[in-house]
Amino acid sequence: MRKNLVFKPAVFILNRADFKKAEANNPFQNENGKTIHFFFLEEDPKSINYELLDSLKGGSEEYQVIEKVFYLYAPDGIGRSKLVEKIGKAFPGVTMTARNLNTINKLIEMIA
């Protein structure tokens, strides 16, 4: 049965400094932590398809890439976001993982 599975989860580790730096670099300030999302990139992207990102971005969404973090402000949520659905295509070959600001704050609290 196992040989039929095609999903292979990627794993990479972020340390306390990575989280604190990402939090400090967050360009979006909002009290609702569910609206701000951090997409941690495992490595620096060789290229970023900004044209694709801009074409997928919803009217209320804003984003910024700072170092190895893609920050997304999505005040209407990410459940139907076309940008979130296809974000991997804008960062070809780069493994990423995403967490919202509430989770980031909780993780920083836990590792303090």
Protein backbone atom coordinates (compact mmCIF):
# COMPACT_ATOMS: atom_id res chain seq x y z
CA MET A 1 0.00 0.00 0.00
CA ARG A 2 2.76 2.44 0.86
CA LYS A 3 4.31 2.33 -2.60
CA ASN A 4 1.12 3.87 -4.01
CA LEU A 5 1.51 7.03 -1.98
CA VAL A 6 2.99 9.98 -3.84
CA PHE A 7 3.01 12.59 -1.09
CA LYS A 8 6.45 13.19 0.41
CA PRO A 9 6.38 15.91 3.05
CA ALA A 10 9.35 18.25 3.13
CA VAL A 11 10.92 19.11 6.46
CA PHE A 12 13.11 22.05 7.34
CA ILE A 13 13.93 23.61 10.67
CA LEU A 14 13.56 27.19 11.79
CA ASN A 15 15.28 28.31 14.96
CA ARG A 16 14.39 30.99 17.51
CA ALA A 17 16.39 33.62 15.64
CA ASP A 18 14.54 32.83 12.39
CA PHE A 19 11.15 33.36 14.07
CA LYS A 20 12.19 36.53 15.89
CA LYS A 21 13.70 38.01 12.73
CA ALA A 22 10.59 37.16 10.71
CA GLU A 23 8.41 38.77 13.37
CA ALA A 24 10.58 41.90 13.45
CA ASN A 25 10.50 42.20 9.63
CA ASN A 26 6.71 41.80 9.40
CA PRO A 27 5.58 44.74 7.25
CA PHE A 28 1.91 44.42 8.20
CA GLN A 29 0.42 45.54 11.49
CA ASN A 30 -3.04 44.33 12.40
CA GLU A 31 -4.52 43.11 15.65
CA ASN A 32 -6.25 40.21 13.90
CA GLY A 33 -3.41 37.69 13.62
CA LYS A 34 -5.47 35.45 11.33
CA THR A 35 -5.12 38.00 8.53
CA ILE A 36 -1.32 38.05 8.36
CA HIS A 37 0.52 35.00 7.06
CA PHE A 38 4.21 34.14 6.98
CA PHE A 39 5.38 31.78 4.23
CA PHE A 40 8.85 30.64 5.27
CA LEU A 41 11.06 29.72 2.32
CA GLU A 42 13.62 27.01 2.88
CA GLU A 43 16.14 28.83 0.71
CA ASP A 44 16.55 32.14 -1.06
CA PRO A 45 14.56 31.92 -4.28
CA LYS A 46 16.61 32.14 -7.47
CA SER A 47 13.70 33.99 -9.03
CA ILE A 48 10.28 35.26 -7.99
CA ASN A 49 7.46 35.58 -10.49
CA TYR A 50 6.04 38.91 -9.32
CA GLU A 51 3.88 39.16 -12.43
CA LEU A 52 2.12 35.94 -11.44
CA LEU A 53 1.74 37.06 -7.82
CA ASP A 54 0.22 40.37 -8.90
CA SER A 55 -2.17 38.68 -11.33
CA LEU A 56 -3.44 36.33 -8.58
CA LYS A 57 -3.60 38.86 -5.76
CA GLY A 58 -7.13 39.63 -4.58
CA GLY A 59 -8.29 43.22 -4.25
CA SER A 60 -7.75 43.40 -0.49
CA GLU A 61 -4.57 41.28 -0.39
CA GLU A 62 -1.11 42.75 0.02
CA TYR A 63 2.21 40.96 0.05
CA GLN A 64 5.89 41.58 0.52
CA VAL A 65 8.97 39.38 0.29
CA ILE A 66 11.67 40.11 2.84
CA GLU A 67 14.66 37.81 2.83
CA LYS A 68 13.31 34.23 3.04
CA VAL A 69 9.78 35.11 4.10
CA PHE A 70 6.76 35.89 1.93
CA TYR A 71 4.39 37.99 4.03
CA LEU A 72 0.73 38.04 3.05
CA TYR A 73 -1.95 40.31 4.43
CA ALA A 74 -5.32 38.78 3.57
CA PRO A 75 -8.07 40.60 5.47
CA ASP A 76 -10.80 38.56 3.75
CA GLY A 77 -9.12 35.24 4.66
CA ILE A 78 -7.11 32.79 2.59
CA GLY A 79 -9.72 30.08 2.07
CA ARG A 80 -10.60 31.28 -1.43
CA SER A 81 -7.39 33.14 -2.22
CA LYS A 82 -6.13 32.41 -5.72
CA LEU A 83 -2.72 33.74 -4.67
CA VAL A 84 -2.41 31.23 -1.83
CA GLU A 85 -3.67 28.42 -4.05
CA LYS A 86 -0.88 28.95 -6.60
CA ILE A 87 1.87 30.63 -4.58
CA GLY A 88 4.32 27.77 -5.17
CA LYS A 89 4.39 28.57 -8.89
CA ALA A 90 5.83 32.01 -8.11
CA PHE A 91 8.76 30.44 -6.23
CA PRO A 92 9.82 27.56 -8.50
CA GLY A 93 11.75 24.80 -6.77
CA VAL A 94 11.52 26.37 -3.31
CA THR A 95 10.01 24.46 -0.37
CA MET A 96 7.89 26.61 1.93
CA THR A 97 5.66 26.38 4.94
CA ALA A 98 3.10 28.92 6.12
CA ARG A 99 1.75 30.01 9.49
CA ASN A 100 -0.46 32.90 10.50
CA LEU A 101 0.66 35.59 12.90
CA ASN A 102 -1.27 34.08 15.82
CA THR A 103 0.72 30.87 15.43
CA ILE A 104 4.01 32.75 15.02
CA ASN A 105 3.35 34.64 18.25
CA LYS A 106 2.50 31.43 20.10
CA LEU A 107 5.65 29.69 18.80
CA ILE A 108 7.84 32.61 19.86
CA GLU A 109 6.22 32.49 23.29
CA MET A 110 6.90 28.74 23.54
CA ILE A 111 10.58 29.01 22.57
CA ALA A 112 11.30 32.07 24.72
